[in-house]
Amino acid sequence: MVIFRVHADGWAEIGGSRFPCALGEAGVVSGGTKREGDGASPAGVWPLRRLLFRPDRGPAPPTRLPIAALRLDDGWCDAPGDPRYNRQVTLPHAASAESLWREDGLYDLILVVGHNDSPPRPGAGSAIFVHLASEGFAPTKGCVALHRPALERLLAIAAPGDALEILSGEDRL
């Protein structure tokens, strides 16, 4: 299992290189204390599930992970009381759900991370992704964000069974 490490101080280790990254606006919290809407990235080791991409913005980059093209009506349920919580859904959805088809380009590539998904615990956090970063690396709502070359490098070497490790400021290697 290859582990891609992300440090709370805004650096990611991918394939022997370091890249800047953005994390949650509330910093990094223990995966066990992560809560829906807290704006924090969850510390821990999380499996890499699959790549979602916007087909109208170009082909998917090479990866050995499962790949799926996004559709205009794709969303992700963030309503803790809904049976589809922390799952991909079709919009409109009866409960609260985030659109995955964004105009700002941040979700042109979405690496789905296996946080709180086996099975999802209501309220323990949803939609934790590795996605594209804004130009200024603005904080996320809990995801990890990388510039496109770094995310494409991660995807090029990632395989099923690999994981992402998010380290808190207290973690020492």
Foldseek 3Di string as FASTA:
>chain_A
DAEWEAEQVAWIQFPNDIFGKAFFPVTEDDLVPAFQQPRAAHFDKWFFAEKEAAVVVHDDFDAQHHYDYDDQQWWADCQLVDPRHQHIDGPPDPHDTGGLDDPVQFNRMWTDIHRCPPPHHRGSYHDATETAADPVNPHDSHHMHGHPVRVSSRRNPDHGPYIYGYDHNPDDD
